[in-house]
Protein backbone atom coordinates (compact mmCIF):
# COMPACT_ATOMS: atom_id res chain seq x y z
CA MET A 1 26.84 15.39 -9.61
CA PRO A 2 27.80 18.35 -11.90
CA GLU A 3 29.81 21.12 -10.88
CA HIS A 4 27.24 23.29 -12.22
CA LEU A 5 24.08 22.49 -9.57
CA PRO A 6 23.99 24.81 -6.69
CA MET A 7 24.45 23.70 -3.38
CA ILE A 8 21.00 23.76 -2.44
CA ALA A 9 19.90 21.68 -5.37
CA ILE A 10 22.57 18.97 -4.02
CA VAL A 11 21.32 19.40 -0.13
CA ARG A 12 16.80 18.82 -2.15
CA ASN A 13 18.13 15.93 -4.25
CA LYS A 14 19.58 14.02 -0.84
CA LYS A 15 16.87 15.35 1.27
CA GLN A 16 14.43 14.12 -1.72
CA LYS A 17 16.10 10.28 -1.59
CA MET A 18 16.12 9.88 2.08
CA ASN A 19 12.25 10.40 1.97
CA ARG A 20 12.18 7.50 -0.32
CA LEU A 21 14.24 5.38 1.50
CA LEU A 22 11.94 6.07 4.52
CA ALA A 23 8.85 5.65 2.79
CA ALA A 24 10.19 2.42 1.27
CA CYS A 25 11.39 1.39 4.43
CA ILE A 26 7.84 2.32 6.26
CA ALA A 27 5.85 0.67 3.09
CA ILE A 28 8.12 -2.77 3.99
CA LEU A 29 7.74 -2.58 8.03
CA LEU A 30 3.46 -2.35 7.46
CA GLY A 31 3.68 -4.97 4.65
CA ALA A 32 5.94 -7.47 7.24
CA CYS A 33 2.89 -6.13 10.28
CA GLY A 34 -0.07 -7.52 8.23
CA ALA A 35 -3.58 -7.08 9.91
CA ASP A 36 -4.14 -10.81 8.58
CA SER A 37 -1.29 -12.16 10.47
CA ASN A 38 -1.89 -10.87 13.69
CA PRO A 39 -4.33 -12.70 15.88
CA PRO A 40 -7.39 -10.93 17.46
CA LEU A 41 -6.97 -9.85 21.24
CA PRO A 42 -8.80 -11.64 23.65
CA LYS A 43 -11.87 -10.18 25.11
CA LEU A 44 -10.96 -8.24 28.71
CA THR A 45 -12.74 -9.13 31.73
CA LEU A 46 -11.80 -5.98 33.72
CA ASP A 47 -13.95 -5.32 37.27
CA PRO A 48 -15.57 -1.61 36.36
CA GLU A 49 -14.98 -1.21 40.87
CA ARG A 50 -11.05 -1.65 40.50
CA VAL A 51 -10.07 0.17 37.70
CA ALA A 52 -7.24 3.17 38.39
CA VAL A 53 -4.82 5.12 35.89
CA VAL A 54 -1.12 5.52 36.59
CA GLY A 55 1.35 7.99 34.20
CA ILE A 56 4.37 8.91 34.41
CA SER A 57 6.38 12.31 33.31
CA SER A 58 3.84 13.51 30.60
CA GLY A 59 1.81 10.86 31.21
CA ALA A 60 1.08 11.97 34.58
CA ILE A 61 -0.54 15.01 33.40
CA MET A 62 -3.06 13.75 31.53
CA ALA A 63 -3.40 10.47 34.63
CA HIS A 64 -4.36 13.87 36.09
CA GLN A 65 -6.73 14.63 33.88
CA MET A 66 -8.43 11.44 33.05
CA HIS A 67 -8.84 11.56 37.14
CA LEU A 68 -10.48 14.68 37.16
CA ALA A 69 -12.57 14.08 34.30
CA TYR A 70 -13.83 10.77 35.21
CA SER A 71 -13.64 10.21 38.75
CA ASP A 72 -16.89 8.86 38.76
CA HIS A 73 -15.49 5.91 36.88
CA LEU A 74 -12.00 5.23 38.49
CA ARG A 75 -10.62 4.27 41.77
CA GLY A 76 -8.13 6.62 41.71
CA ALA A 77 -5.11 8.03 40.19
CA ALA A 78 -0.95 6.90 40.86
CA LEU A 79 0.97 10.48 39.15
CA LEU A 80 4.69 9.98 38.81
CA SER A 81 7.51 12.28 38.53
CA GLY A 82 4.69 14.34 37.02
CA PRO A 83 4.81 18.20 37.27
CA PRO A 84 4.79 20.95 40.24
CA TYR A 85 1.63 21.65 42.32
CA GLN A 86 -0.57 23.63 40.93
CA CYS A 87 1.25 23.62 37.62
CA ALA A 88 -0.59 24.79 34.41
């Protein structure tokens, strides 16, 4: 690097190189995980009367909200390590 370039330009150049490297890695990973190489998922046989939701930590909040919104479709909810009671 020439000495007359300010330090900001050097840092920006390094960030651009890292962004390009990251983009290349993502492209390689996406190419390796192509949709054609994966077999189709099997069809699930679910009993609608036995569906429940489970959540841990922030997932407990989501499970709680889902249970409130769809309580007529869910059997129950298990909330593990969620927020304190009546915490918004």
